[in-house]
Amino acid sequence: IRVMGWYRQAPGKQRELVASITSGGNTN
C-alpha cells in the first residue's frame, strides 16, 4: 500500500481530499 486517505463529499459540493497517510507515516 502506497497511501491511504479520506475524501468527503457534501450535497451540492465537490469531493475533497480531507486527509492522507503514506505507508511510512507521512500525513497530510
mmCIF file of all heavy atoms, coordinates in Angstrom:
data_MODEL
# 
_entry.id   MODEL 
# 
loop_
_atom_site.group_PDB 
_atom_site.id 
_atom_site.type_symbol 
_atom_site.label_atom_id 
_atom_site.label_alt_id 
_atom_site.label_comp_id 
_atom_site.label_asym_id 
_atom_site.label_entity_id 
_atom_site.label_seq_id 
_atom_site.pdbx_PDB_ins_code 
_atom_site.Cartn_x 
_atom_site.Cartn_y 
_atom_site.Cartn_z 
_atom_site.occupancy 
_atom_site.B_iso_or_equiv 
_atom_site.pdbx_formal_charge 
_atom_site.auth_seq_id 
_atom_site.auth_comp_id 
_atom_site.auth_asym_id 
_atom_site.auth_atom_id 
_atom_site.pdbx_PDB_model_num 
ATOM 1   N N   . ILE A 1 1  ? 0.849   -1.180 0.000  1.00 0.00 ? 1  ILE A N   1 
ATOM 2   C CA  . ILE A 1 1  ? 0.000   0.000  0.000  1.00 0.00 ? 1  ILE A CA  1 
ATOM 3   C C   . ILE A 1 1  ? 0.885   1.231  0.000  1.00 0.00 ? 1  ILE A C   1 
ATOM 4   O O   . ILE A 1 1  ? 1.748   1.380  0.865  1.00 0.00 ? 1  ILE A O   1 
ATOM 5   C CB  . ILE A 1 1  ? -0.942  0.018  1.210  1.00 0.00 ? 1  ILE A CB  1 
ATOM 6   C CG1 . ILE A 1 1  ? -1.978  -1.093 1.083  1.00 0.00 ? 1  ILE A CG1 1 
ATOM 7   C CG2 . ILE A 1 1  ? -1.619  1.380  1.344  1.00 0.00 ? 1  ILE A CG2 1 
ATOM 8   C CD1 . ILE A 1 1  ? -2.908  -1.205 2.267  1.00 0.00 ? 1  ILE A CD1 1 
ATOM 9   N N   . ARG A 1 2  ? 0.672   2.088  -0.959 1.00 0.00 ? 2  ARG A N   1 
ATOM 10  C CA  . ARG A 1 2  ? 1.462   3.300  -1.065 1.00 0.00 ? 2  ARG A CA  1 
ATOM 11  C C   . ARG A 1 2  ? 0.899   4.418  -0.191 1.00 0.00 ? 2  ARG A C   1 
ATOM 12  O O   . ARG A 1 2  ? 1.641   5.098  0.515  1.00 0.00 ? 2  ARG A O   1 
ATOM 13  C CB  . ARG A 1 2  ? 1.527   3.755  -2.522 1.00 0.00 ? 2  ARG A CB  1 
ATOM 14  C CG  . ARG A 1 2  ? 2.577   4.813  -2.794 1.00 0.00 ? 2  ARG A CG  1 
ATOM 15  C CD  . ARG A 1 2  ? 2.663   5.116  -4.280 1.00 0.00 ? 2  ARG A CD  1 
ATOM 16  N NE  . ARG A 1 2  ? 3.835   5.916  -4.607 1.00 0.00 ? 2  ARG A NE  1 
ATOM 17  C CZ  . ARG A 1 2  ? 5.002   5.406  -4.951 1.00 0.00 ? 2  ARG A CZ  1 
ATOM 18  N NH1 . ARG A 1 2  ? 5.161   4.098  -5.039 1.00 0.00 ? 2  ARG A NH1 1 
ATOM 19  N NH2 . ARG A 1 2  ? 6.017   6.215  -5.230 1.00 0.00 ? 2  ARG A NH2 1 
ATOM 20  N N   . VAL A 1 3  ? -0.409  4.596  -0.244 1.00 0.00 ? 3  VAL A N   1 
ATOM 21  C CA  . VAL A 1 3  ? -1.049  5.658  0.513  1.00 0.00 ? 3  VAL A CA  1 
ATOM 22  C C   . VAL A 1 3  ? -2.498  5.272  0.794  1.00 0.00 ? 3  VAL A C   1 
ATOM 23  O O   . VAL A 1 3  ? -3.119  4.561  0.010  1.00 0.00 ? 3  VAL A O   1 
ATOM 24  C CB  . VAL A 1 3  ? -0.976  7.002  -0.259 1.00 0.00 ? 3  VAL A CB  1 
ATOM 25  C CG1 . VAL A 1 3  ? -1.724  6.908  -1.576 1.00 0.00 ? 3  VAL A CG1 1 
ATOM 26  C CG2 . VAL A 1 3  ? -1.500  8.155  0.578  1.00 0.00 ? 3  VAL A CG2 1 
ATOM 27  N N   . MET A 1 4  ? -3.012  5.734  1.928  1.00 0.00 ? 4  MET A N   1 
ATOM 28  C CA  . MET A 1 4  ? -4.426  5.619  2.247  1.00 0.00 ? 4  MET A CA  1 
ATOM 29  C C   . MET A 1 4  ? -4.928  6.994  2.665  1.00 0.00 ? 4  MET A C   1 
ATOM 30  O O   . MET A 1 4  ? -4.161  7.801  3.197  1.00 0.00 ? 4  MET A O   1 
ATOM 31  C CB  . MET A 1 4  ? -4.687  4.606  3.356  1.00 0.00 ? 4  MET A CB  1 
ATOM 32  C CG  . MET A 1 4  ? -4.251  3.192  3.008  1.00 0.00 ? 4  MET A CG  1 
ATOM 33  S SD  . MET A 1 4  ? -4.740  1.960  4.245  1.00 0.00 ? 4  MET A SD  1 
ATOM 34  C CE  . MET A 1 4  ? -6.475  1.734  3.809  1.00 0.00 ? 4  MET A CE  1 
ATOM 35  N N   . GLY A 1 5  ? -6.197  7.248  2.417  1.00 0.00 ? 5  GLY A N   1 
ATOM 36  C CA  . GLY A 1 5  ? -6.719  8.552  2.760  1.00 0.00 ? 5  GLY A CA  1 
ATOM 37  C C   . GLY A 1 5  ? -8.224  8.585  2.834  1.00 0.00 ? 5  GLY A C   1 
ATOM 38  O O   . GLY A 1 5  ? -8.907  7.572  2.636  1.00 0.00 ? 5  GLY A O   1 
ATOM 39  N N   . TRP A 1 6  ? -8.718  9.781  3.146  1.00 0.00 ? 6  TRP A N   1 
ATOM 40  C CA  . TRP A 1 6  ? -10.150 10.016 3.277  1.00 0.00 ? 6  TRP A CA  1 
ATOM 41  C C   . TRP A 1 6  ? -10.562 11.207 2.432  1.00 0.00 ? 6  TRP A C   1 
ATOM 42  O O   . TRP A 1 6  ? -9.944  12.275 2.505  1.00 0.00 ? 6  TRP A O   1 
ATOM 43  C CB  . TRP A 1 6  ? -10.523 10.293 4.731  1.00 0.00 ? 6  TRP A CB  1 
ATOM 44  C CG  . TRP A 1 6  ? -10.322 9.122  5.635  1.00 0.00 ? 6  TRP A CG  1 
ATOM 45  C CD1 . TRP A 1 6  ? -9.220  8.827  6.381  1.00 0.00 ? 6  TRP A CD1 1 
ATOM 46  C CD2 . TRP A 1 6  ? -11.267 8.076  5.888  1.00 0.00 ? 6  TRP A CD2 1 
ATOM 47  N NE1 . TRP A 1 6  ? -9.412  7.669  7.080  1.00 0.00 ? 6  TRP A NE1 1 
ATOM 48  C CE2 . TRP A 1 6  ? -10.659 7.182  6.800  1.00 0.00 ? 6  TRP A CE2 1 
ATOM 49  C CE3 . TRP A 1 6  ? -12.555 7.808  5.440  1.00 0.00 ? 6  TRP A CE3 1 
ATOM 50  C CZ2 . TRP A 1 6  ? -11.315 6.041  7.270  1.00 0.00 ? 6  TRP A CZ2 1 
ATOM 51  C CZ3 . TRP A 1 6  ? -13.196 6.672  5.904  1.00 0.00 ? 6  TRP A CZ3 1 
ATOM 52  C CH2 . TRP A 1 6  ? -12.572 5.808  6.811  1.00 0.00 ? 6  TRP A CH2 1 
ATOM 53  N N   . TYR A 1 7  ? -11.593 11.012 1.633  1.00 0.00 ? 7  TYR A N   1 
ATOM 54  C CA  . TYR A 1 7  ? -12.259 12.070 0.908  1.00 0.00 ? 7  TYR A CA  1 
ATOM 55  C C   . TYR A 1 7  ? -13.642 12.274 1.500  1.00 0.00 ? 7  TYR A C   1 
ATOM 56  O O   . TYR A 1 7  ? -14.181 11.386 2.162  1.00 0.00 ? 7  TYR A O   1 
ATOM 57  C CB  . TYR A 1 7  ? -12.405 11.725 -0.572 1.00 0.00 ? 7  TYR A CB  1 
ATOM 58  C CG  . TYR A 1 7  ? -11.124 11.771 -1.377 1.00 0.00 ? 7  TYR A CG  1 
ATOM 59  C CD1 . TYR A 1 7  ? -10.176 10.765 -1.287 1.00 0.00 ? 7  TYR A CD1 1 
ATOM 60  C CD2 . TYR A 1 7  ? -10.883 12.831 -2.255 1.00 0.00 ? 7  TYR A CD2 1 
ATOM 61  C CE1 . TYR A 1 7  ? -9.015  10.802 -2.037 1.00 0.00 ? 7  TYR A CE1 1 
ATOM 62  C CE2 . TYR A 1 7  ? -9.723  12.873 -3.013 1.00 0.00 ? 7  TYR A CE2 1 
ATOM 63  C CZ  . TYR A 1 7  ? -8.796  11.852 -2.896 1.00 0.00 ? 7  TYR A CZ  1 
ATOM 64  O OH  . TYR A 1 7  ? -7.648  11.904 -3.654 1.00 0.00 ? 7  TYR A OH  1 
ATOM 65  N N   . ARG A 1 8  ? -14.221 13.434 1.252  1.00 0.00 ? 8  ARG A N   1 
ATOM 66  C CA  . ARG A 1 8  ? -15.601 13.651 1.651  1.00 0.00 ? 8  ARG A CA  1 
ATOM 67  C C   . ARG A 1 8  ? -16.327 14.456 0.584  1.00 0.00 ? 8  ARG A C   1 
ATOM 68  O O   . ARG A 1 8  ? -15.718 15.234 -0.144 1.00 0.00 ? 8  ARG A O   1 
ATOM 69  C CB  . ARG A 1 8  ? -15.708 14.355 3.004  1.00 0.00 ? 8  ARG A CB  1 
ATOM 70  C CG  . ARG A 1 8  ? -15.216 15.788 3.030  1.00 0.00 ? 8  ARG A CG  1 
ATOM 71  C CD  . ARG A 1 8  ? -15.265 16.335 4.451  1.00 0.00 ? 8  ARG A CD  1 
ATOM 72  N NE  . ARG A 1 8  ? -14.800 17.716 4.518  1.00 0.00 ? 8  ARG A NE  1 
ATOM 73  C CZ  . ARG A 1 8  ? -14.609 18.374 5.650  1.00 0.00 ? 8  ARG A CZ  1 
ATOM 74  N NH1 . ARG A 1 8  ? -14.838 17.774 6.822  1.00 0.00 ? 8  ARG A NH1 1 
ATOM 75  N NH2 . ARG A 1 8  ? -14.188 19.637 5.624  1.00 0.00 ? 8  ARG A NH2 1 
ATOM 76  N N   . GLN A 1 9  ? -17.630 14.245 0.519  1.00 0.00 ? 9  GLN A N   1 
ATOM 77  C CA  . GLN A 1 9  ? -18.461 14.966 -0.426 1.00 0.00 ? 9  GLN A CA  1 
ATOM 78  C C   . GLN A 1 9  ? -19.784 15.327 0.240  1.00 0.00 ? 9  GLN A C   1 
ATOM 79  O O   . GLN A 1 9  ? -20.523 14.448 0.665  1.00 0.00 ? 9  GLN A O   1 
ATOM 80  C CB  . GLN A 1 9  ? -18.716 14.146 -1.688 1.00 0.00 ? 9  GLN A CB  1 
ATOM 81  C CG  . GLN A 1 9  ? -19.431 14.925 -2.775 1.00 0.00 ? 9  GLN A CG  1 
ATOM 82  C CD  . GLN A 1 9  ? -19.365 14.233 -4.124 1.00 0.00 ? 9  GLN A CD  1 
ATOM 83  O OE1 . GLN A 1 9  ? -19.188 13.019 -4.196 1.00 0.00 ? 9  GLN A OE1 1 
ATOM 84  N NE2 . GLN A 1 9  ? -19.490 15.002 -5.195 1.00 0.00 ? 9  GLN A NE2 1 
ATOM 85  N N   . ALA A 1 10 ? -20.043 16.618 0.323  1.00 0.00 ? 10 ALA A N   1 
ATOM 86  C CA  . ALA A 1 10 ? -21.292 17.125 0.860  1.00 0.00 ? 10 ALA A CA  1 
ATOM 87  C C   . ALA A 1 10 ? -22.267 17.378 -0.285 1.00 0.00 ? 10 ALA A C   1 
ATOM 88  O O   . ALA A 1 10 ? -21.853 17.575 -1.433 1.00 0.00 ? 10 ALA A O   1 
ATOM 89  C CB  . ALA A 1 10 ? -21.050 18.408 1.651  1.00 0.00 ? 10 ALA A CB  1 
ATOM 90  N N   . PRO A 1 11 ? -23.572 17.397 -0.002 1.00 0.00 ? 11 PRO A N   1 
ATOM 91  C CA  . PRO A 1 11 ? -24.549 17.665 -1.054 1.00 0.00 ? 11 PRO A CA  1 
ATOM 92  C C   . PRO A 1 11 ? -24.275 18.987 -1.765 1.00 0.00 ? 11 PRO A C   1 
ATOM 93  O O   . PRO A 1 11 ? -24.078 20.016 -1.121 1.00 0.00 ? 11 PRO A O   1 
ATOM 94  C CB  . PRO A 1 11 ? -25.879 17.715 -0.296 1.00 0.00 ? 11 PRO A CB  1 
ATOM 95  C CG  . PRO A 1 11 ? -25.650 16.860 0.906  1.00 0.00 ? 11 PRO A CG  1 
ATOM 96  C CD  . PRO A 1 11 ? -24.222 17.110 1.291  1.00 0.00 ? 11 PRO A CD  1 
ATOM 97  N N   . GLY A 1 12 ? -24.235 18.935 -3.082 1.00 0.00 ? 12 GLY A N   1 
ATOM 98  C CA  . GLY A 1 12 ? -24.004 20.125 -3.873 1.00 0.00 ? 12 GLY A CA  1 
ATOM 99  C C   . GLY A 1 12 ? -22.573 20.607 -3.901 1.00 0.00 ? 12 GLY A C   1 
ATOM 100 O O   . GLY A 1 12 ? -22.299 21.665 -4.483 1.00 0.00 ? 12 GLY A O   1 
ATOM 101 N N   . LYS A 1 13 ? -21.668 19.861 -3.292 1.00 0.00 ? 13 LYS A N   1 
ATOM 102 C CA  . LYS A 1 13 ? -20.269 20.264 -3.224 1.00 0.00 ? 13 LYS A CA  1 
ATOM 103 C C   . LYS A 1 13 ? -19.376 19.283 -3.973 1.00 0.00 ? 13 LYS A C   1 
ATOM 104 O O   . LYS A 1 13 ? -19.747 18.128 -4.201 1.00 0.00 ? 13 LYS A O   1 
ATOM 105 C CB  . LYS A 1 13 ? -19.805 20.356 -1.768 1.00 0.00 ? 13 LYS A CB  1 
ATOM 106 C CG  . LYS A 1 13 ? -20.574 21.351 -0.910 1.00 0.00 ? 13 LYS A CG  1 
ATOM 107 C CD  . LYS A 1 13 ? -20.286 22.782 -1.337 1.00 0.00 ? 13 LYS A CD  1 
ATOM 108 C CE  . LYS A 1 13 ? -20.985 23.774 -0.404 1.00 0.00 ? 13 LYS A CE  1 
ATOM 109 N NZ  . LYS A 1 13 ? -20.420 23.708 0.974  1.00 0.00 ? 13 LYS A NZ  1 
ATOM 110 N N   . GLN A 1 14 ? -18.204 19.753 -4.329 1.00 0.00 ? 14 GLN A N   1 
ATOM 111 C CA  . GLN A 1 14 ? -17.209 18.895 -4.941 1.00 0.00 ? 14 GLN A CA  1 
ATOM 112 C C   . GLN A 1 14 ? -16.575 17.988 -3.893 1.00 0.00 ? 14 GLN A C   1 
ATOM 113 O O   . GLN A 1 14 ? -16.475 18.343 -2.716 1.00 0.00 ? 14 GLN A O   1 
ATOM 114 C CB  . GLN A 1 14 ? -16.111 19.733 -5.606 1.00 0.00 ? 14 GLN A CB  1 
ATOM 115 C CG  . GLN A 1 14 ? -16.559 20.555 -6.793 1.00 0.00 ? 14 GLN A CG  1 
ATOM 116 C CD  . GLN A 1 14 ? -16.780 19.706 -8.012 1.00 0.00 ? 14 GLN A CD  1 
ATOM 117 O OE1 . GLN A 1 14 ? -17.904 19.305 -8.308 1.00 0.00 ? 14 GLN A OE1 1 
ATOM 118 N NE2 . GLN A 1 14 ? -15.712 19.406 -8.731 1.00 0.00 ? 14 GLN A NE2 1 
ATOM 119 N N   . ARG A 1 15 ? -16.158 16.819 -4.326 1.00 0.00 ? 15 ARG A N   1 
ATOM 120 C CA  . ARG A 1 15 ? -15.430 15.929 -3.439 1.00 0.00 ? 15 ARG A CA  1 
ATOM 121 C C   . ARG A 1 15 ? -14.064 16.527 -3.117 1.00 0.00 ? 15 ARG A C   1 
ATOM 122 O O   . ARG A 1 15 ? -13.387 17.068 -4.005 1.00 0.00 ? 15 ARG A O   1 
ATOM 123 C CB  . ARG A 1 15 ? -15.251 14.559 -4.095 1.00 0.00 ? 15 ARG A CB  1 
ATOM 124 C CG  . ARG A 1 15 ? -14.632 13.512 -3.189 1.00 0.00 ? 15 ARG A CG  1 
ATOM 125 C CD  . ARG A 1 15 ? -14.419 12.212 -3.925 1.00 0.00 ? 15 ARG A CD  1 
ATOM 126 N NE  . ARG A 1 15 ? -13.440 12.355 -4.997 1.00 0.00 ? 15 ARG A NE  1 
ATOM 127 C CZ  . ARG A 1 15 ? -13.068 11.373 -5.803 1.00 0.00 ? 15 ARG A CZ  1 
ATOM 128 N NH1 . ARG A 1 15 ? -13.598 10.173 -5.679 1.00 0.00 ? 15 ARG A NH1 1 
ATOM 129 N NH2 . ARG A 1 15 ? -12.164 11.599 -6.750 1.00 0.00 ? 15 ARG A NH2 1 
ATOM 130 N N   . GLU A 1 16 ? -13.657 16.448 -1.861 1.00 0.00 ? 16 GLU A N   1 
ATOM 131 C CA  . GLU A 1 16 ? -12.377 16.990 -1.466 1.00 0.00 ? 16 GLU A CA  1 
ATOM 132 C C   . GLU A 1 16 ? -11.583 15.973 -0.662 1.00 0.00 ? 16 GLU A C   1 
ATOM 133 O O   . GLU A 1 16 ? -12.142 15.149 0.066  1.00 0.00 ? 16 GLU A O   1 
ATOM 134 C CB  . GLU A 1 16 ? -12.546 18.277 -0.645 1.00 0.00 ? 16 GLU A CB  1 
ATOM 135 C CG  . GLU A 1 16 ? -13.146 18.080 0.730  1.00 0.00 ? 16 GLU A CG  1 
ATOM 136 C CD  . GLU A 1 16 ? -13.101 19.339 1.588  1.00 0.00 ? 16 GLU A CD  1 
ATOM 137 O OE1 . GLU A 1 16 ? -12.308 20.254 1.292  1.00 0.00 ? 16 GLU A OE1 1 
ATOM 138 O OE2 . GLU A 1 16 ? -13.877 19.398 2.570  1.00 0.00 ? 16 GLU A OE2 1 
ATOM 139 N N   . LEU A 1 17 ? -10.283 16.060 -0.801 1.00 0.00 ? 17 LEU A N   1 
ATOM 140 C CA  . LEU A 1 17 ? -9.386  15.234 -0.003 1.00 0.00 ? 17 LEU A CA  1 
ATOM 141 C C   . LEU A 1 17 ? -9.265  15.840 1.380  1.00 0.00 ? 17 LEU A C   1 
ATOM 142 O O   . LEU A 1 17 ? -8.884  17.004 1.531  1.00 0.00 ? 17 LEU A O   1 
ATOM 143 C CB  . LEU A 1 17 ? -8.021  15.147 -0.673 1.00 0.00 ? 17 LEU A CB  1 
ATOM 144 C CG  . LEU A 1 17 ? -6.934  14.376 0.077  1.00 0.00 ? 17 LEU A CG  1 
ATOM 145 C CD1 . LEU A 1 17 ? -7.316  12.912 0.250  1.00 0.00 ? 17 LEU A CD1 1 
ATOM 146 C CD2 . LEU A 1 17 ? -5.598  14.498 -0.651 1.00 0.00 ? 17 LEU A CD2 1 
ATOM 147 N N   . VAL A 1 18 ? -9.578  15.048 2.396  1.00 0.00 ? 18 VAL A N   1 
ATOM 148 C CA  . VAL A 1 18 ? -9.537  15.500 3.778  1.00 0.00 ? 18 VAL A CA  1 
ATOM 149 C C   . VAL A 1 18 ? -8.197  15.194 4.424  1.00 0.00 ? 18 VAL A C   1 
ATOM 150 O O   . VAL A 1 18 ? -7.607  16.045 5.097  1.00 0.00 ? 18 VAL A O   1 
ATOM 151 C CB  . VAL A 1 18 ? -10.669 14.865 4.604  1.00 0.00 ? 18 VAL A CB  1 
ATOM 152 C CG1 . VAL A 1 18 ? -10.605 15.314 6.058  1.00 0.00 ? 18 VAL A CG1 1 
ATOM 153 C CG2 . VAL A 1 18 ? -12.024 15.216 3.994  1.00 0.00 ? 18 VAL A CG2 1 
ATOM 154 N N   . ALA A 1 19 ? -7.726  13.972 4.242  1.00 0.00 ? 19 ALA A N   1 
ATOM 155 C CA  . ALA A 1 19 ? -6.511  13.538 4.911  1.00 0.00 ? 19 ALA A CA  1 
ATOM 156 C C   . ALA A 1 19 ? -5.912  12.362 4.173  1.00 0.00 ? 19 ALA A C   1 
ATOM 157 O O   . ALA A 1 19 ? -6.626  11.575 3.550  1.00 0.00 ? 19 ALA A O   1 
ATOM 158 C CB  . ALA A 1 19 ? -6.794  13.145 6.367  1.00 0.00 ? 19 ALA A CB  1 
ATOM 159 N N   . SER A 1 20 ? -4.608  12.230 4.262  1.00 0.00 ? 20 SER A N   1 
ATOM 160 C CA  . SER A 1 20 ? -3.921  11.096 3.663  1.00 0.00 ? 20 SER A CA  1 
ATOM 161 C C   . SER A 1 20 ? -2.731  10.716 4.516  1.00 0.00 ? 20 SER A C   1 
ATOM 162 O O   . SER A 1 20 ? -2.203  11.531 5.276  1.00 0.00 ? 20 SER A O   1 
ATOM 163 C CB  . SER A 1 20 ? -3.475  11.398 2.230  1.00 0.00 ? 20 SER A CB  1 
ATOM 164 O OG  . SER A 1 20 ? -2.520  12.440 2.202  1.00 0.00 ? 20 SER A OG  1 
ATOM 165 N N   . ILE A 1 21 ? -2.307  9.473  4.369  1.00 0.00 ? 21 ILE A N   1 
ATOM 166 C CA  . ILE A 1 21 ? -1.153  8.979  5.107  1.00 0.00 ? 21 ILE A CA  1 
ATOM 167 C C   . ILE A 1 21 ? -0.452  7.929  4.269  1.00 0.00 ? 21 ILE A C   1 
ATOM 168 O O   . ILE A 1 21 ? -1.089  7.062  3.664  1.00 0.00 ? 21 ILE A O   1 
ATOM 169 C CB  . ILE A 1 21 ? -1.568  8.416  6.493  1.00 0.00 ? 21 ILE A CB  1 
ATOM 170 C CG1 . ILE A 1 21 ? -0.340  8.029  7.309  1.00 0.00 ? 21 ILE A CG1 1 
ATOM 171 C CG2 . ILE A 1 21 ? -2.544  7.254  6.348  1.00 0.00 ? 21 ILE A CG2 1 
ATOM 172 C CD1 . ILE A 1 21 ? -0.654  7.775  8.779  1.00 0.00 ? 21 ILE A CD1 1 
ATOM 173 N N   . THR A 1 22 ? 0.862   8.021  4.198  1.00 0.00 ? 22 THR A N   1 
ATOM 174 C CA  . THR A 1 22 ? 1.642   7.046  3.456  1.00 0.00 ? 22 THR A CA  1 
ATOM 175 C C   . THR A 1 22 ? 1.962   5.855  4.339  1.00 0.00 ? 22 THR A C   1 
ATOM 176 O O   . THR A 1 22 ? 1.778   5.883  5.559  1.00 0.00 ? 22 THR A O   1 
ATOM 177 C CB  . THR A 1 22 ? 2.945   7.658  2.936  1.00 0.00 ? 22 THR A CB  1 
ATOM 178 O OG1 . THR A 1 22 ? 3.818   7.932  4.047  1.00 0.00 ? 22 THR A OG1 1 
ATOM 179 C CG2 . THR A 1 22 ? 2.685   8.943  2.167  1.00 0.00 ? 22 THR A CG2 1 
ATOM 180 N N   . SER A 1 23 ? 2.454   4.800  3.715  1.00 0.00 ? 23 SER A N   1 
ATOM 181 C CA  . SER A 1 23 ? 2.838   3.619  4.482  1.00 0.00 ? 23 SER A CA  1 
ATOM 182 C C   . SER A 1 23 ? 3.959   3.924  5.460  1.00 0.00 ? 23 SER A C   1 
ATOM 183 O O   . SER A 1 23 ? 4.101   3.227  6.468  1.00 0.00 ? 23 SER A O   1 
ATOM 184 C CB  . SER A 1 23 ? 3.255   2.487  3.547  1.00 0.00 ? 23 SER A CB  1 
ATOM 185 O OG  . SER A 1 23 ? 4.360   2.868  2.740  1.00 0.00 ? 23 SER A OG  1 
ATOM 186 N N   . GLY A 1 24 ? 4.738   4.961  5.185  1.00 0.00 ? 24 GLY A N   1 
ATOM 187 C CA  . GLY A 1 24 ? 5.795   5.377  6.085  1.00 0.00 ? 24 GLY A CA  1 
ATOM 188 C C   . GLY A 1 24 ? 5.349   6.293  7.199  1.00 0.00 ? 24 GLY A C   1 
ATOM 189 O O   . GLY A 1 24 ? 6.155   6.647  8.069  1.00 0.00 ? 24 GLY A O   1 
ATOM 190 N N   . GLY A 1 25 ? 4.081   6.718  7.177  1.00 0.00 ? 25 GLY A N   1 
ATOM 191 C CA  . GLY A 1 25 ? 3.544   7.523  8.256  1.00 0.00 ? 25 GLY A CA  1 
ATOM 192 C C   . GLY A 1 25 ? 3.473   9.012  7.997  1.00 0.00 ? 25 GLY A C   1 
ATOM 193 O O   . GLY A 1 25 ? 3.072   9.774  8.884  1.00 0.00 ? 25 GLY A O   1 
ATOM 194 N N   . ASN A 1 26 ? 3.851   9.465  6.819  1.00 0.00 ? 26 ASN A N   1 
ATOM 195 C CA  . ASN A 1 26 ? 3.715   10.879 6.499  1.00 0.00 ? 26 ASN A CA  1 
ATOM 196 C C   . ASN A 1 26 ? 2.252   11.230 6.291  1.00 0.00 ? 26 ASN A C   1 
ATOM 197 O O   . ASN A 1 26 ? 1.536   10.538 5.560  1.00 0.00 ? 26 ASN A O   1 
ATOM 198 C CB  . ASN A 1 26 ? 4.510   11.224 5.244  1.00 0.00 ? 26 ASN A CB  1 
ATOM 199 C CG  . ASN A 1 26 ? 5.998   11.111 5.452  1.00 0.00 ? 26 ASN A CG  1 
ATOM 200 O OD1 . ASN A 1 26 ? 6.508   11.348 6.548  1.00 0.00 ? 26 ASN A OD1 1 
ATOM 201 N ND2 . ASN A 1 26 ? 6.722   10.749 4.401  1.00 0.00 ? 26 ASN A ND2 1 
ATOM 202 N N   . THR A 1 27 ? 1.795   12.311 6.919  1.00 0.00 ? 27 THR A N   1 
ATOM 203 C CA  . THR A 1 27 ? 0.389   12.684 6.887  1.00 0.00 ? 27 THR A CA  1 
ATOM 204 C C   . THR A 1 27 ? 0.173   14.046 6.247  1.00 0.00 ? 27 THR A C   1 
ATOM 205 O O   . THR A 1 27 ? 1.060   14.903 6.224  1.00 0.00 ? 27 THR A O   1 
ATOM 206 C CB  . THR A 1 27 ? -0.212  12.701 8.296  1.00 0.00 ? 27 THR A CB  1 
ATOM 207 O OG1 . THR A 1 27 ? 0.470   13.675 9.094  1.00 0.00 ? 27 THR A OG1 1 
ATOM 208 C CG2 . THR A 1 27 ? -0.082  11.339 8.950  1.00 0.00 ? 27 THR A CG2 1 
ATOM 209 N N   . ASN A 1 28 ? -1.047  14.231 5.753  1.00 0.00 ? 28 ASN A N   1 
ATOM 210 C CA  . ASN A 1 28 ? -1.459  15.494 5.173  1.00 0.00 ? 28 ASN A CA  1 
ATOM 211 C C   . ASN A 1 28 ? -2.921  15.715 5.513  1.00 0.00 ? 28 ASN A C   1 
ATOM 212 O O   . ASN A 1 28 ? -3.726  14.786 5.421  1.00 0.00 ? 28 ASN A O   1 
ATOM 213 C CB  . ASN A 1 28 ? -1.257  15.491 3.665  1.00 0.00 ? 28 ASN A CB  1 
ATOM 214 C CG  . ASN A 1 28 ? -1.506  16.844 3.040  1.00 0.00 ? 28 ASN A CG  1 
ATOM 215 O OD1 . ASN A 1 28 ? -1.114  17.869 3.580  1.00 0.00 ? 28 ASN A OD1 1 
ATOM 216 N ND2 . ASN A 1 28 ? -2.157  16.856 1.881  1.00 0.00 ? 28 ASN A ND2 1 
# 
